[in-house]
Amino acid sequence: MPTISLDGTACLFANPSLLGEVTPEHLWKDTWLEWPNPTSTETPGSLSRAFQLALSDLCLGHSTIAVQTSGGLDSLAVLYHACRLFSDRRVISVCGDVLDDNGISTLAVVQELIKSLRLTCELVAVHRKDWTRWPAWSPHGPFRTASPEAHMAMVACAKRLGATTLLSGDGSDELVAAHRFLTKEIGQQLGLRAALQYLRDARHTGPGVAGELLAFAANFAPRRSRIKMYWAVNWPDWCEPRAAAILTPRYQSVATDWASDWSKATLKDHVLNNRSWAEAEAYDAWWPQPYLPPADDLEEGSPFLHEAFVATALGQPLARRYSPDQLTEYHRFKVSVIELFDEDDRRYLPKEKQYFKSLAAEIDNLPGDAPFAVDLGLFDQNALKRETDTATRKLGRSVELWLRDASEQGVLFT
């Protein structure tokens, strides 16, 4: 009988998984999850061309295409090219009717973008009252999006309207956005002015300017010392692996040991490949990319995660992900996505990123209750009631549902 490993499931609550969404490879007894090693093209090609080819492949055979649109640049790029490439097909923009932290309606933002960019598509709102169903059970593990119910509602909406695929902008931030510690690379490839602008922008990211200066100095250190410094500065919470308090002591120990082994293996890989801080950060941001199974029987995909686009993106110089010539910080760090749009249309693109921290807290404001996982000895009931961390509570709920639904299908536990 197929058997879920509770040891592997517990590892979801250790630092690399809980904070970095790294999926443990041993969720099942005697079965291991494996990812194909990402490779880059030897001769970097056009990102825009690779994006269009990826999108064409994902839409092959689909006459009605839905795009999960949030008002941000990534999903907008998918909608933009879907409308332009497939003018003979029905394209639907599926958008959550929610407010960001500044009280701005996402639906209104998307509506204005569609109008300004002259996109021929249908805009359909998904309301909060429809966020009721949970995604289908998957052997790949618990569903780990920010709001599984919201995602499922968009899937249901797309299916109801006759779409046979739902596209998103997933993977863009991790793969093509500019990340930390790029001052040296940007200075070498784009010049001093660009490096100074990047430093000004870096004040708002992670370790800030101090981290950028340390990254520059670390280039003169031995490779092992350089990577240890990188890990301490960039991932301080991972230097001493910890597991969530909702786990019972036995499983806290298992999860902590796994996190420690994972960290050591990752550091060793950085050392063997002689990566700079910038290269290590770009690698850690992208890999391993967690697999997100479809939420239902509707096909889902993202051109940013398509094999051909990934290969082209990984072949681009890291400094190419940043441009000092953009007007806003959001655009400067997302120039690879900005350049997917025609130059005349870039003036209409959103200038700032929308944030939804208030909505996330509101969604997660549910009582901590996981009776099935408690009965299995995985969770501590008292610790579960005291837990206040949003990420832990959200994951705990997903794991409870995943284990319970697995049991109903006859799956065993060990």
Protein backbone atom coordinates (compact mmCIF):
# COMPACT_ATOMS: atom_id res chain seq x y z
CA MET A 1 0.00 0.00 0.00
CA PRO A 2 1.20 3.56 -0.67
CA THR A 3 2.49 4.99 2.60
CA ILE A 4 3.11 8.62 3.54
CA SER A 5 6.22 9.24 5.63
CA LEU A 6 5.40 11.39 8.64
CA ASP A 7 9.14 12.05 8.99
CA GLY A 8 9.15 13.55 5.51
CA THR A 9 5.94 15.47 6.16
CA ALA A 10 7.43 16.96 9.33
CA CYS A 11 10.31 18.35 7.26
CA LEU A 12 7.85 20.71 5.59
CA PHE A 13 7.95 22.67 8.85
CA ALA A 14 11.73 23.20 8.96
CA ASN A 15 13.33 26.44 7.78
CA PRO A 16 14.19 25.65 4.14
CA SER A 17 10.68 24.40 3.47
CA LEU A 18 8.59 26.63 5.72
CA LEU A 19 10.33 29.85 4.70
CA GLY A 20 11.79 28.90 1.33
CA GLU A 21 9.15 26.48 0.05
CA VAL A 22 11.70 23.73 -0.55
CA THR A 23 9.72 20.50 -0.79
CA PRO A 24 11.24 17.54 1.09
CA GLU A 25 12.04 14.77 -1.34
CA HIS A 26 10.80 11.95 0.91
CA LEU A 27 7.12 12.65 1.59
CA TRP A 28 6.40 9.01 0.75
CA LYS A 29 7.97 5.83 2.10
CA ASP A 30 10.36 4.28 -0.45
CA THR A 31 9.47 6.96 -3.00
CA TRP A 32 11.56 10.06 -3.73
CA LEU A 33 10.62 13.23 -5.55
CA GLU A 34 13.19 14.18 -8.17
CA TRP A 35 13.58 17.35 -10.21
CA PRO A 36 15.31 17.50 -13.61
CA ASN A 37 18.48 19.57 -13.33
CA PRO A 38 17.85 23.01 -14.90
CA THR A 39 20.17 23.77 -17.80
CA SER A 40 20.88 26.97 -19.70
CA THR A 41 21.39 27.54 -23.41
CA GLU A 42 25.03 27.93 -24.42
CA THR A 43 24.19 30.97 -26.55
CA PRO A 44 21.71 33.28 -24.79
CA GLY A 45 18.76 34.09 -27.03
CA SER A 46 15.92 36.59 -26.91
CA LEU A 47 13.84 36.33 -23.75
CA SER A 48 10.85 37.79 -25.56
CA ARG A 49 11.08 35.20 -28.30
CA ALA A 50 11.50 32.37 -25.78
CA PHE A 51 8.50 33.69 -23.85
CA GLN A 52 6.29 33.69 -26.93
CA LEU A 53 7.41 30.18 -27.90
CA ALA A 54 6.71 28.92 -24.37
CA LEU A 55 3.27 30.53 -24.38
CA SER A 56 2.47 29.09 -27.81
CA ASP A 57 3.39 25.62 -26.59
CA LEU A 58 1.25 25.96 -23.46
CA CYS A 59 -1.75 27.12 -25.52
CA LEU A 60 -1.45 24.49 -28.23
CA GLY A 61 -4.87 22.95 -28.85
CA HIS A 62 -6.73 25.34 -26.52
CA SER A 63 -9.44 27.51 -28.12
CA THR A 64 -10.42 29.22 -24.85
CA ILE A 65 -7.55 30.44 -22.67
CA ALA A 66 -7.87 31.84 -19.16
CA VAL A 67 -5.16 33.93 -17.49
CA GLN A 68 -5.02 34.37 -13.74
CA THR A 69 -4.41 38.13 -13.61
CA SER A 70 -3.38 39.99 -10.46
CA GLY A 71 -2.52 43.48 -11.73
CA GLY A 72 1.22 42.84 -11.45
CA LEU A 73 3.72 42.79 -14.31
CA ASP A 74 4.18 39.01 -14.52
CA SER A 75 0.59 37.90 -15.08
CA LEU A 76 -0.01 41.00 -17.21
CA ALA A 77 2.80 39.90 -19.55
CA VAL A 78 1.07 36.53 -19.97
CA LEU A 79 -2.30 38.17 -20.71
CA TYR A 80 -0.68 40.73 -23.05
CA HIS A 81 0.98 38.11 -25.24
CA ALA A 82 -1.96 35.72 -25.11
CA CYS A 83 -4.21 38.44 -26.55
CA ARG A 84 -1.66 39.36 -29.22
CA LEU A 85 -0.63 35.87 -30.25
CA PHE A 86 -4.13 34.36 -30.25
CA SER A 87 -6.45 37.06 -31.56
CA ASP A 88 -8.56 34.30 -33.15
CA ARG A 89 -9.19 32.62 -29.78
CA ARG A 90 -11.21 33.50 -26.71
CA VAL A 91 -9.01 34.92 -23.94
CA ILE A 92 -10.37 35.42 -20.43
CA SER A 93 -8.73 37.45 -17.67
CA VAL A 94 -9.70 35.90 -14.32
CA CYS A 95 -9.11 38.40 -11.51
CA GLY A 96 -9.70 38.32 -7.77
CA ASP A 97 -11.95 41.15 -6.60
CA VAL A 98 -9.84 42.25 -3.62
CA LEU A 99 -8.19 45.37 -2.18
CA ASP A 100 -4.45 45.78 -1.67
CA ASP A 101 -2.85 47.24 1.49
CA ASN A 102 -3.51 50.77 0.16
CA GLY A 103 -7.20 50.08 -0.44
CA ILE A 104 -6.79 49.91 -4.24
CA SER A 105 -9.02 47.50 -6.11
CA THR A 106 -7.13 44.86 -8.08
CA LEU A 107 -10.10 44.52 -10.40
CA ALA A 108 -10.02 48.26 -11.18
CA VAL A 109 -6.27 48.12 -11.85
CA VAL A 110 -6.63 45.20 -14.28
CA GLN A 111 -9.61 46.83 -15.97
CA GLU A 112 -7.62 50.02 -16.62
CA LEU A 113 -4.61 48.05 -17.89
CA ILE A 114 -6.74 46.09 -20.35
CA LYS A 115 -8.21 49.34 -21.63
CA SER A 116 -4.87 51.20 -21.88
CA LEU A 117 -3.08 48.32 -23.59
CA ARG A 118 -6.05 47.74 -25.95
CA LEU A 119 -6.29 44.05 -25.11
CA THR A 120 -9.17 42.07 -26.56
CA CYS A 121 -10.26 39.79 -23.75
CA GLU A 122 -13.03 39.19 -21.24
CA LEU A 123 -12.46 40.37 -17.66
CA VAL A 124 -14.18 38.19 -15.07
CA ALA A 125 -14.13 38.90 -11.33
CA VAL A 126 -13.83 36.21 -8.68
CA HIS A 127 -15.39 37.37 -5.41
CA ARG A 128 -14.41 36.48 -1.86
CA LYS A 129 -17.73 34.74 -1.28
CA ASP A 130 -16.66 32.13 -3.83
CA TRP A 131 -13.48 31.20 -1.92
CA THR A 132 -14.98 28.07 -0.43
CA ARG A 133 -13.48 24.96 -2.04
CA TRP A 134 -10.03 23.48 -1.47
CA PRO A 135 -7.88 22.22 -4.39
CA ALA A 136 -7.94 18.54 -5.28
CA TRP A 137 -5.72 16.19 -3.34
CA SER A 138 -2.35 15.50 -5.00
CA PRO A 139 0.37 12.94 -4.24
CA HIS A 140 2.93 15.72 -4.73
CA GLY A 141 2.10 17.13 -1.31
CA PRO A 142 0.00 19.82 0.38
CA PHE A 143 -1.21 22.71 -1.76
CA ARG A 144 1.03 25.66 -0.92
CA THR A 145 -0.18 28.81 -2.66
CA ALA A 146 -0.88 31.96 -0.62
CA SER A 147 -4.62 31.24 -0.66
CA PRO A 148 -5.62 27.78 -1.93
CA GLU A 149 -9.33 28.63 -1.77
CA ALA A 150 -8.82 31.74 -3.93
CA HIS A 151 -6.86 29.75 -6.49
CA MET A 152 -9.50 27.04 -6.60
CA ALA A 153 -12.20 29.67 -7.11
CA MET A 154 -10.31 31.01 -10.14
CA VAL A 155 -9.93 27.50 -11.53
CA ALA A 156 -13.67 26.90 -11.09
CA CYS A 157 -14.45 30.23 -12.76
CA ALA A 158 -12.22 29.43 -15.74
CA LYS A 159 -13.84 25.99 -16.14
CA ARG A 160 -17.34 27.44 -15.91
CA LEU A 161 -16.53 29.84 -18.75
CA GLY A 162 -15.29 27.05 -20.99
CA ALA A 163 -11.53 27.56 -20.64
CA THR A 164 -9.40 24.45 -21.05
CA THR A 165 -6.22 25.95 -19.59
CA LEU A 166 -5.40 28.48 -16.88
CA LEU A 167 -2.13 30.40 -17.21
CA SER A 168 -0.28 32.45 -14.60
CA GLY A 169 2.93 34.43 -14.10
CA ASP A 170 4.36 31.97 -11.56
CA GLY A 171 8.14 31.69 -11.44
CA SER A 172 8.97 35.13 -12.79
CA ASP A 173 10.22 36.70 -9.56
CA GLU A 174 12.47 33.77 -8.79
CA LEU A 175 13.86 33.35 -12.31
CA VAL A 176 14.25 36.76 -13.99
CA ALA A 177 13.96 39.47 -11.33
CA ALA A 178 17.14 41.17 -10.13
CA HIS A 179 18.23 39.83 -6.76
CA ARG A 180 20.77 40.78 -4.09
CA PHE A 181 24.55 41.24 -4.21
CA LEU A 182 24.73 42.34 -7.86
CA THR A 183 26.75 45.53 -7.36
CA LYS A 184 30.00 44.13 -8.77
CA GLU A 185 28.36 42.47 -11.78
CA ILE A 186 26.30 45.56 -12.60
CA GLY A 187 29.34 47.83 -12.28
CA GLN A 188 31.38 45.62 -14.60
CA GLN A 189 28.71 45.22 -17.26
CA LEU A 190 26.58 48.37 -17.01
CA GLY A 191 28.97 50.95 -15.54
CA LEU A 192 29.45 52.99 -12.38
CA ARG A 193 26.19 54.97 -12.68
CA ALA A 194 24.19 51.77 -12.87
CA ALA A 195 26.01 50.30 -9.86
CA LEU A 196 25.34 53.43 -7.78
CA GLN A 197 21.64 53.37 -8.70
CA TYR A 198 21.48 49.68 -7.78
CA LEU A 199 23.09 50.47 -4.41
CA ARG A 200 20.44 53.11 -3.74
CA ASP A 201 17.72 50.59 -4.56
CA ALA A 202 19.46 47.89 -2.49
CA ARG A 203 18.77 49.90 0.67
CA HIS A 204 15.26 48.41 0.60
CA THR A 205 16.27 44.77 0.12
CA GLY A 206 17.42 42.19 2.67
CA PRO A 207 20.85 43.04 4.10
CA GLY A 208 20.81 46.41 2.31
CA VAL A 209 23.91 48.40 1.35
CA ALA A 210 26.00 46.73 4.05
CA GLY A 211 25.23 43.36 2.48
CA GLU A 212 26.30 44.65 -0.95
CA LEU A 213 29.62 45.89 0.43
CA LEU A 214 30.23 42.61 2.22
CA ALA A 215 29.47 40.72 -1.00
CA PHE A 216 32.09 42.80 -2.83
CA ALA A 217 34.70 42.19 -0.14
CA ALA A 218 33.89 38.46 -0.04
CA ASN A 219 35.14 38.07 -3.62
CA PHE A 220 38.67 38.18 -2.21
CA ALA A 221 38.04 35.45 0.38
CA PRO A 222 38.64 31.69 -0.13
CA ARG A 223 35.60 30.04 -1.68
CA ARG A 224 34.55 28.09 1.43
CA SER A 225 34.79 31.16 3.67
CA ARG A 226 33.03 33.24 1.04
CA ILE A 227 30.02 30.91 0.95
CA LYS A 228 29.81 30.63 4.74
CA MET A 229 29.74 34.43 4.92
CA TYR A 230 27.04 34.53 2.24
CA TRP A 231 24.89 32.04 4.15
CA ALA A 232 25.23 33.95 7.42
CA VAL A 233 24.33 37.30 5.84
CA ASN A 234 21.62 36.16 3.44
CA TRP A 235 19.98 33.33 5.36
CA PRO A 236 20.63 33.97 9.07
CA ASP A 237 17.50 32.02 10.04
CA TRP A 238 18.91 28.94 8.30
CA CYS A 239 22.31 28.95 10.02
CA GLU A 240 20.79 27.18 13.03
CA PRO A 241 18.00 25.04 11.56
CA ARG A 242 14.78 25.04 13.56
CA ALA A 243 11.42 23.41 13.19
CA ALA A 244 8.00 24.84 13.97
CA ALA A 245 6.81 24.46 17.55
CA ILE A 246 3.54 22.84 16.43
CA LEU A 247 5.47 19.60 15.76
CA THR A 248 5.77 17.11 18.57
CA PRO A 249 9.34 16.77 19.97
CA ARG A 250 10.14 13.62 18.01
CA TYR A 251 9.24 15.21 14.68
CA GLN A 252 10.93 18.50 15.57
CA SER A 253 14.16 16.54 15.88
CA VAL A 254 13.63 14.79 12.52
CA ALA A 255 12.83 18.05 10.74
CA THR A 256 15.80 19.86 12.27
CA ASP A 257 18.21 17.11 11.18
CA TRP A 258 16.85 17.25 7.64
CA ALA A 259 17.19 21.04 7.52
CA SER A 260 20.79 20.81 8.73
CA ASP A 261 21.65 18.20 6.07
CA TRP A 262 19.95 20.25 3.37
CA SER A 263 21.87 23.39 4.32
CA LYS A 264 25.19 21.54 4.35
CA ALA A 265 24.50 20.03 0.92
CA THR A 266 23.54 23.41 -0.52
CA LEU A 267 26.66 25.08 0.88
CA LYS A 268 28.82 22.28 -0.51
CA ASP A 269 27.27 22.74 -3.95
CA HIS A 270 27.98 26.49 -3.88
CA VAL A 271 31.59 25.83 -2.90
CA LEU A 272 32.12 23.17 -5.57
CA ASN A 273 30.74 25.49 -8.25
CA ASN A 274 32.80 28.43 -6.93
CA ARG A 275 29.78 30.74 -6.93
CA SER A 276 29.93 34.40 -5.98
CA TRP A 277 27.33 35.78 -3.57
CA ALA A 278 25.28 37.03 -6.54
CA GLU A 279 25.43 33.64 -8.26
CA ALA A 280 24.55 31.78 -5.08
CA GLU A 281 21.62 34.09 -4.36
CA ALA A 282 20.27 33.75 -7.92
CA TYR A 283 20.59 29.96 -7.65
CA ASP A 284 18.90 29.78 -4.23
CA ALA A 285 16.07 32.07 -5.35
CA TRP A 286 15.23 29.80 -8.26
CA TRP A 287 16.24 26.28 -7.25
CA PRO A 288 14.79 23.95 -6.23
CA GLN A 289 11.57 25.29 -7.68
CA PRO A 290 8.63 23.71 -5.82
CA TYR A 291 6.24 21.81 -8.04
CA LEU A 292 2.67 23.09 -7.84
CA PRO A 293 0.23 20.42 -9.04
CA PRO A 294 -2.98 21.48 -10.82
CA ALA A 295 -5.75 22.42 -8.40
CA ASP A 296 -8.34 20.41 -10.35
CA ASP A 297 -8.68 18.67 -13.71
CA LEU A 298 -8.11 21.98 -15.55
CA GLU A 299 -4.70 22.23 -17.20
CA GLU A 300 -2.46 24.92 -15.65
CA GLY A 301 0.88 26.42 -16.60
CA SER A 302 3.21 29.41 -16.68
CA PRO A 303 5.48 30.43 -19.57
CA PHE A 304 8.06 31.52 -16.97
CA LEU A 305 8.31 27.88 -15.85
CA HIS A 306 8.39 26.42 -19.35
CA GLU A 307 11.56 24.42 -20.06
CA ALA A 308 12.53 26.48 -23.12
CA PHE A 309 12.09 29.81 -21.36
CA VAL A 310 13.96 28.61 -18.26
CA ALA A 311 16.92 27.53 -20.42
CA THR A 312 17.05 30.94 -22.11
CA ALA A 313 16.64 32.87 -18.85
CA LEU A 314 19.38 30.93 -17.09
CA GLY A 315 21.71 31.79 -19.97
CA GLN A 316 21.30 35.55 -19.42
CA PRO A 317 24.02 37.46 -17.50
CA LEU A 318 22.81 38.29 -13.98
CA ALA A 319 23.41 42.03 -14.49
CA ARG A 320 20.97 41.87 -17.40
CA ARG A 321 18.13 41.53 -14.88
CA TYR A 322 18.56 45.13 -13.72
CA SER A 323 18.37 48.46 -15.52
CA PRO A 324 19.10 51.91 -14.04
CA ASP A 325 17.11 53.56 -16.84
CA GLN A 326 13.65 52.62 -15.57
CA LEU A 327 11.67 55.27 -13.69
CA THR A 328 10.66 53.22 -10.65
CA GLU A 329 12.42 50.70 -8.43
CA TYR A 330 9.79 48.08 -9.32
CA HIS A 331 10.64 48.44 -13.01
CA ARG A 332 14.40 48.57 -12.45
CA PHE A 333 14.34 45.19 -10.72
CA LYS A 334 11.87 43.73 -13.23
CA VAL A 335 13.40 44.97 -16.49
CA SER A 336 13.39 41.45 -17.95
CA VAL A 337 9.60 41.46 -17.70
CA ILE A 338 9.25 45.11 -18.77
CA GLU A 339 11.05 44.28 -22.00
CA LEU A 340 8.45 41.65 -22.85
CA PHE A 341 6.10 44.54 -23.68
CA ASP A 342 6.31 46.71 -26.80
CA GLU A 343 8.16 49.93 -26.05
CA ASP A 344 5.14 52.13 -26.83
CA ASP A 345 3.05 50.21 -24.30
CA ARG A 346 5.47 50.35 -21.37
CA ARG A 347 4.19 53.76 -20.23
CA TYR A 348 0.91 52.11 -19.23
CA LEU A 349 2.45 49.43 -17.01
CA PRO A 350 1.90 49.52 -13.22
CA LYS A 351 4.66 51.59 -11.61
CA GLU A 352 4.59 49.97 -8.18
CA LYS A 353 4.02 46.48 -6.86
CA GLN A 354 0.80 45.83 -4.98
CA TYR A 355 0.99 44.13 -1.58
CA PHE A 356 -1.71 42.13 0.20
CA LYS A 357 -0.39 41.56 3.72
CA SER A 358 -3.67 42.65 5.31
CA LEU A 359 -5.63 40.26 3.12
CA ALA A 360 -3.23 37.41 3.93
CA ALA A 361 -3.65 38.01 7.64
CA GLU A 362 -7.42 38.16 7.26
CA ILE A 363 -7.51 34.90 5.30
CA ASP A 364 -5.33 33.16 7.86
CA ASN A 365 -7.40 34.32 10.83
CA LEU A 366 -8.75 30.83 11.48
CA PRO A 367 -8.57 28.78 14.67
CA GLY A 368 -5.62 26.40 14.83
CA ASP A 369 -7.25 23.00 14.59
CA ALA A 370 -5.76 19.86 13.05
CA PRO A 371 -7.29 16.85 14.80
CA PHE A 372 -6.12 14.28 12.24
CA ALA A 373 -2.46 15.34 12.41
CA VAL A 374 -2.70 15.51 16.21
CA ASP A 375 -4.06 11.95 16.34
CA LEU A 376 -1.15 10.79 14.17
CA GLY A 377 1.24 12.31 16.71
CA LEU A 378 2.61 14.84 14.21
CA PHE A 379 1.23 18.05 15.77
CA ASP A 380 1.10 19.14 19.40
CA GLN A 381 -2.46 20.33 20.11
CA ASN A 382 -1.48 22.94 22.71
CA ALA A 383 1.33 24.36 20.59
CA LEU A 384 -1.03 24.50 17.62
CA LYS A 385 -3.48 26.67 19.54
CA ARG A 386 -0.68 29.04 20.62
CA GLU A 387 0.87 29.37 17.15
CA THR A 388 0.67 32.88 15.68
CA ASP A 389 3.04 32.67 12.69
CA THR A 390 1.04 33.02 9.47
CA ALA A 391 3.25 30.71 7.37
CA THR A 392 3.14 27.96 9.99
CA ARG A 393 -0.62 28.20 10.48
CA LYS A 394 -1.28 28.18 6.74
CA LEU A 395 0.97 25.18 6.13
CA GLY A 396 -0.46 23.35 9.13
CA ARG A 397 -3.94 23.68 7.66
CA SER A 398 -2.75 22.42 4.25
CA VAL A 399 -0.98 19.43 5.80
CA GLU A 400 -4.03 18.52 7.89
CA LEU A 401 -6.23 18.43 4.80
CA TRP A 402 -3.62 16.56 2.76
CA LEU A 403 -3.21 13.83 5.38
CA ARG A 404 -6.93 13.51 6.04
CA ASP A 405 -7.80 13.23 2.35
CA ALA A 406 -5.01 10.71 1.83
CA SER A 407 -6.43 8.58 4.62
CA GLU A 408 -9.85 8.62 2.99
CA GLN A 409 -8.23 7.15 -0.14
CA GLY A 410 -6.72 4.27 1.83
CA VAL A 411 -3.20 5.65 2.14
CA LEU A 412 -1.21 4.43 5.15
CA PHE A 413 1.18 6.39 7.41
CA THR A 414 4.51 5.52 8.94
